[in-house]
Amino acid sequence: MAKDKKKKGKELEGPPAGASGLRKKFETEVRGAIAEKFGVKNRMAQPTLEKITVNVNMGRHLDGTKIPPNIKSTVLETLTTITGQKPVMLKAKKSVSNFKVREGYETAAMVTIRRDQMWHFLDRLIHLATPRIKDFRGLSRKAFDRQGNYSMGLTEQGVFPEINMAEVNFTHGMNINLSFANSNPELSAFMLEELGMPFTKIDEN
């Protein structure tokens, strides 16, 4: 009899299942806008969002060889709550003496989201989380790499409404990376802006 093994990244109870309204908007509206503006009418050649990676680095909190249990549990619970998936722990690939990081020690937690879970997360990031950022003036347009992937950082987990800051014992930020296929910085920026991503306004003067 085969044993029931737990898999890394297993989906947990959390964000709503099923098709996201943001994904429907991409299919019914944004694809057409991309075809019209850039002349990319073949759907297979159009830019698409492949995955979103959420990462929290805890290396600076290392106490000897381990991360303090209260910090680790808070980070893992945060990532599970906002993504609906179980995070995986990452180990340092090399030692960094300035940050007390040694090769092989657990230093970060990460979740990779795909398909509908990814679209639900992006929807909440755009419409619920970013408006709650203190003194928010828009996301940077300069955080794209050559392939059109976009990276951003948050300074505290409380911008997600599902996190009750009164119940957490440790405030932390996170890095969020949006990975695209068939894209470049211009295509990705246009696609995200059409989806409602609140970038800083372009100075036309």
N, C-alpha and C. Protein backbone atom coordinates (compact mmCIF):
# COMPACT_ATOMS: atom_id res chain seq x y z
N MET A 1 0.86 -1.20 0.00
CA MET A 1 0.00 0.00 0.00
C MET A 1 0.89 1.24 0.00
N ALA A 2 0.59 2.15 -0.91
CA ALA A 2 1.42 3.35 -1.03
C ALA A 2 1.18 4.27 0.16
N LYS A 3 2.26 4.85 0.66
CA LYS A 3 2.15 5.76 1.79
C LYS A 3 1.72 7.14 1.31
N ASP A 4 0.89 7.81 2.13
CA ASP A 4 0.42 9.14 1.80
C ASP A 4 1.45 10.16 2.24
N LYS A 5 2.26 10.63 1.31
CA LYS A 5 3.34 11.55 1.63
C LYS A 5 2.90 12.98 1.37
N LYS A 6 3.33 13.89 2.25
CA LYS A 6 3.04 15.30 2.07
C LYS A 6 4.01 15.89 1.05
N LYS A 7 3.49 16.66 0.12
CA LYS A 7 4.31 17.25 -0.91
C LYS A 7 4.58 18.71 -0.59
N LYS A 8 5.77 19.15 -0.95
CA LYS A 8 6.12 20.55 -0.76
C LYS A 8 5.24 21.41 -1.67
N GLY A 9 4.80 22.56 -1.12
CA GLY A 9 3.99 23.45 -1.92
C GLY A 9 2.55 22.99 -2.03
N LYS A 10 2.14 22.05 -1.19
CA LYS A 10 0.78 21.54 -1.24
C LYS A 10 -0.21 22.65 -0.96
N GLU A 11 -1.28 22.73 -1.76
CA GLU A 11 -2.27 23.78 -1.60
C GLU A 11 -3.04 23.57 -0.31
N LEU A 12 -3.25 24.67 0.42
CA LEU A 12 -3.97 24.61 1.68
C LEU A 12 -5.23 25.45 1.57
N GLU A 13 -6.07 25.33 2.60
CA GLU A 13 -7.28 26.12 2.62
C GLU A 13 -6.91 27.58 2.78
N GLY A 14 -7.43 28.45 1.92
CA GLY A 14 -7.05 29.85 1.99
C GLY A 14 -7.80 30.65 0.95
N PRO A 15 -7.08 31.28 -0.01
CA PRO A 15 -7.71 32.10 -1.02
C PRO A 15 -8.74 31.32 -1.82
N PRO A 16 -9.73 31.99 -2.40
CA PRO A 16 -10.80 31.30 -3.14
C PRO A 16 -10.28 30.49 -4.31
N ALA A 17 -10.92 29.35 -4.55
CA ALA A 17 -10.53 28.50 -5.68
C ALA A 17 -11.32 28.92 -6.92
N GLY A 18 -11.00 28.29 -8.05
CA GLY A 18 -11.73 28.59 -9.27
C GLY A 18 -11.11 29.75 -10.03
N ALA A 19 -11.72 30.11 -11.14
CA ALA A 19 -11.19 31.15 -12.01
C ALA A 19 -11.25 32.52 -11.34
N SER A 20 -10.18 33.27 -11.49
CA SER A 20 -10.11 34.62 -10.93
C SER A 20 -10.69 35.63 -11.92
N GLY A 21 -11.32 36.67 -11.37
CA GLY A 21 -11.85 37.73 -12.23
C GLY A 21 -10.73 38.43 -12.98
N LEU A 22 -9.55 38.50 -12.38
CA LEU A 22 -8.41 39.15 -13.03
C LEU A 22 -7.94 38.33 -14.21
N ARG A 23 -7.97 37.00 -14.08
CA ARG A 23 -7.59 36.14 -15.18
C ARG A 23 -8.58 36.28 -16.34
N LYS A 24 -9.86 36.38 -16.01
CA LYS A 24 -10.89 36.58 -17.05
C LYS A 24 -10.67 37.89 -17.78
N LYS A 25 -10.29 38.93 -17.02
CA LYS A 25 -10.02 40.23 -17.64
C LYS A 25 -8.84 40.12 -18.60
N PHE A 26 -7.81 39.37 -18.19
CA PHE A 26 -6.65 39.19 -19.07
C PHE A 26 -7.06 38.51 -20.37
N GLU A 27 -7.86 37.46 -20.27
CA GLU A 27 -8.26 36.70 -21.46
C GLU A 27 -9.20 37.48 -22.37
N THR A 28 -10.13 38.25 -21.80
CA THR A 28 -11.17 38.90 -22.59
C THR A 28 -10.84 40.33 -23.01
N GLU A 29 -9.96 41.01 -22.24
CA GLU A 29 -9.67 42.41 -22.55
C GLU A 29 -8.21 42.68 -22.84
N VAL A 30 -7.33 42.21 -21.97
CA VAL A 30 -5.91 42.59 -22.07
C VAL A 30 -5.25 41.95 -23.28
N ARG A 31 -5.60 40.72 -23.60
CA ARG A 31 -5.01 40.08 -24.79
C ARG A 31 -5.31 40.91 -26.04
N GLY A 32 -6.53 41.39 -26.15
CA GLY A 32 -6.90 42.21 -27.31
C GLY A 32 -6.15 43.52 -27.34
N ALA A 33 -5.94 44.13 -26.17
CA ALA A 33 -5.21 45.39 -26.10
C ALA A 33 -3.75 45.20 -26.49
N ILE A 34 -3.18 44.07 -26.11
CA ILE A 34 -1.79 43.76 -26.49
C ILE A 34 -1.68 43.57 -28.00
N ALA A 35 -2.64 42.86 -28.57
CA ALA A 35 -2.63 42.63 -30.02
C ALA A 35 -2.75 43.95 -30.78
N GLU A 36 -3.59 44.85 -30.28
CA GLU A 36 -3.81 46.13 -30.95
C GLU A 36 -2.60 47.06 -30.84
N LYS A 37 -2.00 47.12 -29.64
CA LYS A 37 -0.90 48.07 -29.43
C LYS A 37 0.44 47.56 -29.99
N PHE A 38 0.69 46.27 -29.83
CA PHE A 38 2.00 45.74 -30.22
C PHE A 38 1.96 44.86 -31.48
N GLY A 39 0.77 44.60 -32.00
CA GLY A 39 0.65 43.80 -33.20
C GLY A 39 0.90 42.32 -32.99
N VAL A 40 0.88 41.87 -31.73
CA VAL A 40 1.09 40.45 -31.42
C VAL A 40 -0.28 39.78 -31.33
N LYS A 41 -0.76 39.28 -32.46
CA LYS A 41 -2.11 38.73 -32.50
C LYS A 41 -2.16 37.23 -32.19
N ASN A 42 -1.03 36.55 -32.40
CA ASN A 42 -0.96 35.13 -32.07
C ASN A 42 -0.94 34.97 -30.56
N ARG A 43 -1.95 34.34 -30.00
CA ARG A 43 -2.06 34.19 -28.55
C ARG A 43 -0.86 33.45 -27.96
N MET A 44 -0.30 32.51 -28.73
CA MET A 44 0.84 31.75 -28.22
C MET A 44 2.10 32.60 -28.11
N ALA A 45 2.13 33.73 -28.84
CA ALA A 45 3.30 34.61 -28.83
C ALA A 45 3.12 35.79 -27.88
N GLN A 46 1.95 35.94 -27.30
CA GLN A 46 1.70 37.04 -26.39
C GLN A 46 2.32 36.79 -25.02
N PRO A 47 2.64 37.88 -24.30
CA PRO A 47 3.20 37.71 -22.96
C PRO A 47 2.19 37.08 -22.01
N THR A 48 2.64 36.20 -21.15
CA THR A 48 1.77 35.59 -20.15
C THR A 48 2.49 35.53 -18.81
N LEU A 49 1.72 35.60 -17.76
CA LEU A 49 2.26 35.48 -16.41
C LEU A 49 2.37 34.00 -16.08
N GLU A 50 3.58 33.53 -15.78
CA GLU A 50 3.80 32.10 -15.54
C GLU A 50 3.73 31.72 -14.06
N LYS A 51 4.31 32.54 -13.21
CA LYS A 51 4.33 32.21 -11.79
C LYS A 51 4.64 33.45 -10.97
N ILE A 52 4.30 33.39 -9.69
CA ILE A 52 4.65 34.44 -8.74
C ILE A 52 5.39 33.78 -7.58
N THR A 53 6.53 34.33 -7.24
CA THR A 53 7.33 33.80 -6.14
C THR A 53 7.34 34.81 -5.00
N VAL A 54 7.01 34.34 -3.80
CA VAL A 54 7.02 35.20 -2.61
C VAL A 54 8.10 34.67 -1.67
N ASN A 55 9.03 35.54 -1.29
CA ASN A 55 10.20 35.12 -0.52
C ASN A 55 10.40 36.02 0.69
N VAL A 56 10.69 35.41 1.84
CA VAL A 56 11.02 36.17 3.05
C VAL A 56 12.39 35.70 3.55
N ASN A 57 13.35 36.62 3.60
CA ASN A 57 14.70 36.29 4.06
C ASN A 57 14.78 36.50 5.58
N MET A 58 15.23 35.48 6.29
CA MET A 58 15.34 35.56 7.75
C MET A 58 16.77 35.38 8.24
N GLY A 59 17.73 35.42 7.34
CA GLY A 59 19.13 35.15 7.69
C GLY A 59 19.69 36.04 8.78
N ARG A 60 19.27 37.32 8.80
CA ARG A 60 19.82 38.24 9.80
C ARG A 60 19.34 37.93 11.21
N HIS A 61 18.33 37.07 11.31
CA HIS A 61 17.79 36.73 12.63
C HIS A 61 18.35 35.41 13.16
N LEU A 62 19.31 34.84 12.46
CA LEU A 62 19.88 33.57 12.91
C LEU A 62 20.44 33.67 14.33
N ASP A 63 20.07 32.71 15.14
CA ASP A 63 20.59 32.64 16.50
C ASP A 63 21.41 31.36 16.59
N GLY A 64 22.71 31.51 16.38
CA GLY A 64 23.57 30.34 16.31
C GLY A 64 23.38 29.66 14.96
N THR A 65 22.78 28.48 14.98
CA THR A 65 22.58 27.74 13.74
C THR A 65 21.11 27.71 13.29
N LYS A 66 20.22 28.30 14.10
CA LYS A 66 18.80 28.22 13.78
C LYS A 66 18.11 29.57 13.86
N ILE A 67 17.00 29.68 13.13
CA ILE A 67 16.16 30.86 13.21
C ILE A 67 15.25 30.69 14.44
N PRO A 68 15.11 31.72 15.28
CA PRO A 68 14.24 31.62 16.45
C PRO A 68 12.84 31.11 16.08
N PRO A 69 12.30 30.17 16.84
CA PRO A 69 11.00 29.55 16.51
C PRO A 69 9.86 30.53 16.29
N ASN A 70 9.80 31.62 17.09
CA ASN A 70 8.69 32.57 16.94
C ASN A 70 8.76 33.31 15.62
N ILE A 71 9.97 33.62 15.16
CA ILE A 71 10.15 34.31 13.88
C ILE A 71 9.81 33.36 12.73
N LYS A 72 10.33 32.16 12.78
CA LYS A 72 10.09 31.18 11.72
C LYS A 72 8.60 30.86 11.61
N SER A 73 7.93 30.63 12.73
CA SER A 73 6.51 30.27 12.69
C SER A 73 5.65 31.41 12.16
N THR A 74 6.01 32.66 12.53
CA THR A 74 5.25 33.82 12.05
C THR A 74 5.37 33.96 10.54
N VAL A 75 6.59 33.82 10.02
CA VAL A 75 6.82 33.94 8.58
C VAL A 75 6.09 32.83 7.81
N LEU A 76 6.20 31.60 8.28
CA LEU A 76 5.54 30.49 7.60
C LEU A 76 4.03 30.65 7.62
N GLU A 77 3.49 31.12 8.74
CA GLU A 77 2.04 31.32 8.83
C GLU A 77 1.58 32.44 7.92
N THR A 78 2.38 33.50 7.84
CA THR A 78 2.05 34.61 6.93
C THR A 78 1.97 34.14 5.49
N LEU A 79 3.01 33.44 5.03
CA LEU A 79 3.06 32.99 3.65
C LEU A 79 1.92 32.01 3.34
N THR A 80 1.62 31.13 4.29
CA THR A 80 0.52 30.19 4.10
C THR A 80 -0.81 30.91 3.97
N THR A 81 -1.01 31.93 4.80
CA THR A 81 -2.27 32.66 4.82
C THR A 81 -2.49 33.47 3.55
N ILE A 82 -1.45 34.15 3.07
CA ILE A 82 -1.65 35.05 1.93
C ILE A 82 -1.59 34.34 0.58
N THR A 83 -0.99 33.15 0.54
CA THR A 83 -0.87 32.45 -0.74
C THR A 83 -1.73 31.20 -0.84
N GLY A 84 -2.12 30.64 0.31
CA GLY A 84 -2.90 29.40 0.29
C GLY A 84 -2.06 28.17 0.02
N GLN A 85 -0.74 28.32 0.12
CA GLN A 85 0.16 27.18 -0.08
C GLN A 85 1.19 27.11 1.03
N LYS A 86 1.67 25.90 1.25
CA LYS A 86 2.67 25.68 2.28
C LYS A 86 4.05 26.12 1.79
N PRO A 87 4.74 26.99 2.53
CA PRO A 87 6.07 27.46 2.10
C PRO A 87 7.13 26.36 2.24
N VAL A 88 8.23 26.56 1.55
CA VAL A 88 9.39 25.69 1.71
C VAL A 88 10.52 26.53 2.30
N MET A 89 11.36 25.90 3.11
CA MET A 89 12.50 26.59 3.68
C MET A 89 13.70 26.46 2.74
N LEU A 90 14.45 27.54 2.59
CA LEU A 90 15.62 27.57 1.74
C LEU A 90 16.89 27.64 2.59
N LYS A 91 17.92 26.93 2.16
CA LYS A 91 19.19 26.94 2.88
C LYS A 91 20.21 27.80 2.13
N ALA A 92 21.07 28.45 2.89
CA ALA A 92 22.09 29.32 2.30
C ALA A 92 23.04 28.50 1.43
N LYS A 93 23.32 29.02 0.23
CA LYS A 93 24.23 28.33 -0.69
C LYS A 93 25.69 28.66 -0.41
N LYS A 94 25.90 29.78 0.28
CA LYS A 94 27.26 30.14 0.65
C LYS A 94 27.25 30.96 1.94
N SER A 95 28.37 31.01 2.60
CA SER A 95 28.47 31.73 3.87
C SER A 95 28.68 33.23 3.63
N VAL A 96 28.05 34.04 4.48
CA VAL A 96 28.23 35.49 4.44
C VAL A 96 28.49 35.94 5.87
N SER A 97 29.74 36.20 6.20
CA SER A 97 30.12 36.48 7.58
C SER A 97 29.47 37.74 8.13
N ASN A 98 29.29 38.77 7.30
CA ASN A 98 28.70 40.02 7.77
C ASN A 98 27.27 39.85 8.28
N PHE A 99 26.57 38.83 7.75
CA PHE A 99 25.18 38.59 8.15
C PHE A 99 25.04 37.32 8.99
N LYS A 100 26.17 36.81 9.47
CA LYS A 100 26.17 35.61 10.31
C LYS A 100 25.51 34.41 9.61
N VAL A 101 25.58 34.39 8.30
CA VAL A 101 24.97 33.32 7.52
C VAL A 101 26.03 32.28 7.16
N ARG A 102 25.73 31.03 7.42
CA ARG A 102 26.66 29.96 7.08
C ARG A 102 26.01 29.00 6.10
N GLU A 103 26.81 28.51 5.18
CA GLU A 103 26.34 27.59 4.16
C GLU A 103 25.60 26.39 4.78
N GLY A 104 24.44 26.09 4.22
CA GLY A 104 23.67 24.94 4.68
C GLY A 104 22.63 25.25 5.74
N TYR A 105 22.65 26.46 6.30
CA TYR A 105 21.67 26.83 7.32
C TYR A 105 20.40 27.36 6.65
N GLU A 106 19.25 27.08 7.24
CA GLU A 106 17.99 27.64 6.74
C GLU A 106 17.99 29.15 6.95
N THR A 107 17.73 29.90 5.87
CA THR A 107 17.76 31.36 5.98
C THR A 107 16.55 32.06 5.40
N ALA A 108 15.72 31.36 4.63
CA ALA A 108 14.58 32.01 3.99
C ALA A 108 13.43 31.03 3.78
N ALA A 109 12.24 31.60 3.60
CA ALA A 109 11.05 30.81 3.28
C ALA A 109 10.48 31.30 1.95
N MET A 110 9.98 30.40 1.13
CA MET A 110 9.53 30.77 -0.20
C MET A 110 8.29 29.99 -0.61
N VAL A 111 7.43 30.65 -1.37
CA VAL A 111 6.26 30.01 -1.98
C VAL A 111 6.24 30.37 -3.45
N THR A 112 6.00 29.38 -4.31
CA THR A 112 5.83 29.62 -5.74
C THR A 112 4.38 29.31 -6.10
N ILE A 113 3.69 30.29 -6.67
CA ILE A 113 2.26 30.15 -6.98
C ILE A 113 2.07 30.14 -8.49
N ARG A 114 1.21 29.25 -8.96
CA ARG A 114 0.89 29.16 -10.39
C ARG A 114 -0.62 29.05 -10.60
N ARG A 115 -1.01 29.18 -11.86
CA ARG A 115 -2.40 28.98 -12.28
C ARG A 115 -3.38 29.87 -11.49
N ASP A 116 -4.57 29.37 -11.17
CA ASP A 116 -5.60 30.22 -10.57
C ASP A 116 -5.17 30.81 -9.23
N GLN A 117 -4.44 30.04 -8.44
CA GLN A 117 -3.97 30.54 -7.15
C GLN A 117 -3.11 31.79 -7.36
N MET A 118 -2.32 31.80 -8.41
CA MET A 118 -1.46 32.93 -8.75
C MET A 118 -2.29 34.16 -9.10
N TRP A 119 -3.35 33.96 -9.90
CA TRP A 119 -4.19 35.08 -10.30
C TRP A 119 -4.97 35.66 -9.13
N HIS A 120 -5.43 34.81 -8.23
CA HIS A 120 -6.12 35.30 -7.03
C HIS A 120 -5.18 36.14 -6.18
N PHE A 121 -3.93 35.68 -6.04
CA PHE A 121 -2.95 36.43 -5.25
C PHE A 121 -2.67 37.79 -5.89
N LEU A 122 -2.47 37.82 -7.21
CA LEU A 122 -2.19 39.07 -7.89
C LEU A 122 -3.37 40.04 -7.76
N ASP A 123 -4.58 39.52 -7.85
CA ASP A 123 -5.78 40.34 -7.69
C ASP A 123 -5.78 41.02 -6.32
N ARG A 124 -5.49 40.27 -5.26
CA ARG A 124 -5.49 40.83 -3.91
C ARG A 124 -4.31 41.78 -3.71
N LEU A 125 -3.18 41.46 -4.35
CA LEU A 125 -2.01 42.34 -4.26
C LEU A 125 -2.32 43.71 -4.86
N ILE A 126 -2.96 43.71 -6.02
CA ILE A 126 -3.26 44.96 -6.73
C ILE A 126 -4.35 45.77 -6.03
N HIS A 127 -5.44 45.11 -5.70
CA HIS A 127 -6.63 45.84 -5.24
C HIS A 127 -6.78 45.96 -3.73
N LEU A 128 -6.10 45.11 -2.96
CA LEU A 128 -6.26 45.16 -1.51
C LEU A 128 -4.97 45.53 -0.77
N ALA A 129 -3.85 44.94 -1.19
CA ALA A 129 -2.60 45.14 -0.45
C ALA A 129 -1.92 46.47 -0.76
N THR A 130 -1.67 46.77 -2.03
CA THR A 130 -0.93 48.00 -2.36
C THR A 130 -1.61 49.28 -1.88
N PRO A 131 -2.95 49.37 -1.91
CA PRO A 131 -3.56 50.61 -1.40
C PRO A 131 -3.34 50.81 0.10
N ARG A 132 -2.96 49.75 0.81
CA ARG A 132 -2.74 49.84 2.26
C ARG A 132 -1.30 50.16 2.62
N ILE A 133 -0.42 50.29 1.61
CA ILE A 133 0.97 50.64 1.88
C ILE A 133 1.04 52.09 2.36
N LYS A 134 1.74 52.32 3.45
CA LYS A 134 1.84 53.65 4.03
C LYS A 134 2.52 54.62 3.07
N ASP A 135 1.92 55.81 2.90
CA ASP A 135 2.46 56.86 2.02
C ASP A 135 2.69 56.34 0.61
N PHE A 136 1.78 55.53 0.11
CA PHE A 136 1.96 54.90 -1.20
C PHE A 136 1.78 55.90 -2.33
N ARG A 137 2.76 55.94 -3.24
CA ARG A 137 2.71 56.85 -4.39
C ARG A 137 2.84 56.09 -5.72
N GLY A 138 2.70 54.80 -5.65
CA GLY A 138 2.80 54.01 -6.87
C GLY A 138 4.03 53.12 -6.87
N LEU A 139 3.95 52.02 -7.61
CA LEU A 139 5.07 51.08 -7.72
C LEU A 139 6.06 51.54 -8.78
N SER A 140 7.31 51.23 -8.58
CA SER A 140 8.36 51.62 -9.52
C SER A 140 8.19 50.94 -10.87
N ARG A 141 8.45 51.68 -11.92
CA ARG A 141 8.42 51.14 -13.28
C ARG A 141 9.81 50.64 -13.70
N LYS A 142 10.79 50.76 -12.82
CA LYS A 142 12.17 50.42 -13.16
C LYS A 142 12.61 49.07 -12.61
N ALA A 143 11.65 48.27 -12.13
CA ALA A 143 12.01 47.00 -11.49
C ALA A 143 11.82 45.79 -12.39
N PHE A 144 11.88 45.99 -13.71
CA PHE A 144 11.77 44.89 -14.67
C PHE A 144 13.16 44.47 -15.12
N ASP A 145 13.36 43.16 -15.33
CA ASP A 145 14.62 42.70 -15.90
C ASP A 145 14.46 42.59 -17.42
N ARG A 146 15.46 42.10 -18.09
CA ARG A 146 15.44 42.06 -19.56
C ARG A 146 14.34 41.16 -20.11
N GLN A 147 13.97 40.14 -19.35
CA GLN A 147 12.93 39.20 -19.80
C GLN A 147 11.53 39.70 -19.46
N GLY A 148 11.45 40.86 -18.80
CA GLY A 148 10.14 41.41 -18.46
C GLY A 148 9.64 40.96 -17.11
N ASN A 149 10.44 40.22 -16.34
CA ASN A 149 10.02 39.81 -15.01
C ASN A 149 10.05 41.02 -14.07
N TYR A 150 9.12 41.07 -13.15
CA TYR A 150 8.99 42.24 -12.27
C TYR A 150 9.20 41.85 -10.81
N SER A 151 9.98 42.66 -10.09
CA SER A 151 10.26 42.41 -8.68
C SER A 151 9.84 43.61 -7.84
N MET A 152 9.25 43.33 -6.70
CA MET A 152 8.87 44.39 -5.78
C MET A 152 9.01 43.89 -4.35
N GLY A 153 9.07 44.83 -3.41
CA GLY A 153 9.20 44.46 -2.02
C GLY A 153 8.13 45.12 -1.17
N LEU A 154 7.74 44.45 -0.10
CA LEU A 154 6.82 45.01 0.88
C LEU A 154 7.55 45.03 2.22
N THR A 155 7.32 46.06 3.01
CA THR A 155 8.04 46.20 4.28
C THR A 155 7.33 45.54 5.45
N GLU A 156 6.02 45.27 5.31
CA GLU A 156 5.34 44.57 6.39
C GLU A 156 4.17 43.75 5.86
N GLN A 157 3.92 42.61 6.50
CA GLN A 157 2.89 41.69 6.05
C GLN A 157 1.47 42.21 6.28
N GLY A 158 1.33 43.25 7.11
CA GLY A 158 0.02 43.76 7.46
C GLY A 158 -0.73 44.43 6.32
N VAL A 159 -0.08 44.67 5.18
CA VAL A 159 -0.80 45.27 4.05
C VAL A 159 -1.83 44.30 3.47
N PHE A 160 -1.65 43.01 3.74
CA PHE A 160 -2.65 42.03 3.33
C PHE A 160 -3.74 42.00 4.39
N PRO A 161 -4.99 42.27 4.04
CA PRO A 161 -6.06 42.37 5.04
C PRO A 161 -6.32 41.09 5.81
N GLU A 162 -5.91 39.94 5.27
CA GLU A 162 -6.13 38.68 5.98
C GLU A 162 -5.16 38.48 7.14
N ILE A 163 -4.15 39.36 7.25
CA ILE A 163 -3.20 39.28 8.36
C ILE A 163 -3.63 40.24 9.46
N ASN A 164 -3.88 39.70 10.65
CA ASN A 164 -4.23 40.51 11.82
C ASN A 164 -2.95 40.82 12.60
N MET A 165 -2.48 42.06 12.48
CA MET A 165 -1.20 42.42 13.10
C MET A 165 -1.26 42.37 14.62
N ALA A 166 -2.45 42.39 15.17
CA ALA A 166 -2.59 42.30 16.63
C ALA A 166 -2.27 40.90 17.13
N GLU A 167 -2.25 39.95 16.22
CA GLU A 167 -2.02 38.55 16.62
C GLU A 167 -0.63 38.04 16.25
N VAL A 168 0.20 38.90 15.64
CA VAL A 168 1.54 38.46 15.26
C VAL A 168 2.58 39.03 16.23
N ASN A 169 3.68 38.32 16.40
CA ASN A 169 4.72 38.78 17.34
C ASN A 169 5.98 39.24 16.63
N PHE A 170 5.90 39.36 15.31
CA PHE A 170 7.09 39.72 14.54
C PHE A 170 6.66 40.35 13.23
N THR A 171 7.12 41.56 12.97
CA THR A 171 6.80 42.25 11.72
C THR A 171 7.90 42.02 10.70
N HIS A 172 7.53 41.62 9.50
CA HIS A 172 8.54 41.34 8.47
C HIS A 172 8.03 41.76 7.10
N GLY A 173 8.95 41.95 6.20
CA GLY A 173 8.60 42.27 4.83
C GLY A 173 8.70 41.04 3.96
N MET A 174 8.66 41.24 2.64
CA MET A 174 8.77 40.12 1.70
C MET A 174 9.12 40.65 0.32
N ASN A 175 9.72 39.78 -0.47
CA ASN A 175 10.00 40.09 -1.87
C ASN A 175 9.04 39.29 -2.75
N ILE A 176 8.49 39.96 -3.75
CA ILE A 176 7.53 39.33 -4.65
C ILE A 176 8.06 39.46 -6.08
N ASN A 177 8.15 38.32 -6.76
CA ASN A 177 8.66 38.32 -8.14
C ASN A 177 7.61 37.74 -9.08
N LEU A 178 7.28 38.51 -10.12
CA LEU A 178 6.33 38.08 -11.13
C LEU A 178 7.11 37.64 -12.37
N SER A 179 6.98 36.38 -12.76
CA SER A 179 7.74 35.83 -13.88
C SER A 179 6.87 35.69 -15.12
N PHE A 180 7.35 36.21 -16.24
CA PHE A 180 6.60 36.22 -17.49
C PHE A 180 7.27 35.35 -18.55
N ALA A 181 6.47 34.93 -19.53
CA ALA A 181 6.97 34.24 -20.73
C ALA A 181 6.65 35.11 -21.93
N ASN A 182 7.49 35.03 -22.98
CA ASN A 182 7.28 35.78 -24.22
C ASN A 182 7.17 37.28 -23.98
N SER A 183 8.03 37.80 -23.14
CA SER A 183 7.85 39.20 -22.76
C SER A 183 9.15 39.99 -22.77
N ASN A 184 9.01 41.27 -22.47
CA ASN A 184 10.11 42.21 -22.27
C ASN A 184 9.56 43.28 -21.33
N PRO A 185 10.40 44.21 -20.86
CA PRO A 185 9.91 45.20 -19.90
C PRO A 185 8.69 45.99 -20.37
N GLU A 186 8.68 46.39 -21.65
CA GLU A 186 7.56 47.19 -22.16
C GLU A 186 6.26 46.39 -22.18
N LEU A 187 6.32 45.15 -22.66
CA LEU A 187 5.14 44.30 -22.73
C LEU A 187 4.59 43.98 -21.35
N SER A 188 5.49 43.63 -20.44
CA SER A 188 5.05 43.28 -19.09
C SER A 188 4.42 44.48 -18.38
N ALA A 189 5.04 45.65 -18.53
CA ALA A 189 4.51 46.85 -17.89
C ALA A 189 3.13 47.18 -18.44
N PHE A 190 2.96 47.06 -19.75
CA PHE A 190 1.66 47.35 -20.36
C PHE A 190 0.61 46.36 -19.86
N MET A 191 0.95 45.08 -19.83
CA MET A 191 0.02 44.05 -19.39
C MET A 191 -0.41 44.28 -17.94
N LEU A 192 0.57 44.54 -17.05
CA LEU A 192 0.24 44.75 -15.65
C LEU A 192 -0.58 46.02 -15.44
N GLU A 193 -0.26 47.06 -16.19
CA GLU A 193 -1.02 48.31 -16.05
C GLU A 193 -2.46 48.12 -16.51
N GLU A 194 -2.65 47.35 -17.57
CA GLU A 194 -4.00 47.06 -18.05
C GLU A 194 -4.78 46.24 -17.01
N LEU A 195 -4.07 45.46 -16.23
CA LEU A 195 -4.72 44.65 -15.19
C LEU A 195 -4.99 45.46 -13.93
N GLY A 196 -4.44 46.69 -13.88
CA GLY A 196 -4.70 47.56 -12.74
C GLY A 196 -3.54 47.77 -11.81
N MET A 197 -2.35 47.30 -12.17
CA MET A 197 -1.17 47.48 -11.31
C MET A 197 -0.91 48.98 -11.12
N PRO A 198 -0.85 49.45 -9.87
CA PRO A 198 -0.71 50.90 -9.60
C PRO A 198 0.72 51.41 -9.70
N PHE A 199 1.21 51.55 -10.92
CA PHE A 199 2.55 52.09 -11.12
C PHE A 199 2.56 53.60 -10.90
N THR A 200 3.74 54.15 -10.70
CA THR A 200 3.88 55.59 -10.62
C THR A 200 3.48 56.20 -11.96
N LYS A 201 2.92 57.39 -11.91
CA LYS A 201 2.46 58.03 -13.14
C LYS A 201 3.65 58.50 -13.97
N ILE A 202 3.49 58.42 -15.30
CA ILE A 202 4.54 58.86 -16.21
C ILE A 202 4.49 60.38 -16.34
N ASP A 203 5.66 61.02 -16.14
CA ASP A 203 5.74 62.47 -16.29
C ASP A 203 5.81 62.78 -17.77
N GLU A 204 4.77 63.41 -18.29
CA GLU A 204 4.70 63.70 -19.73
C GLU A 204 5.34 65.03 -20.09
N ASN A 205 5.80 65.78 -19.09
CA ASN A 205 6.43 67.08 -19.38
C ASN A 205 7.86 66.91 -19.84
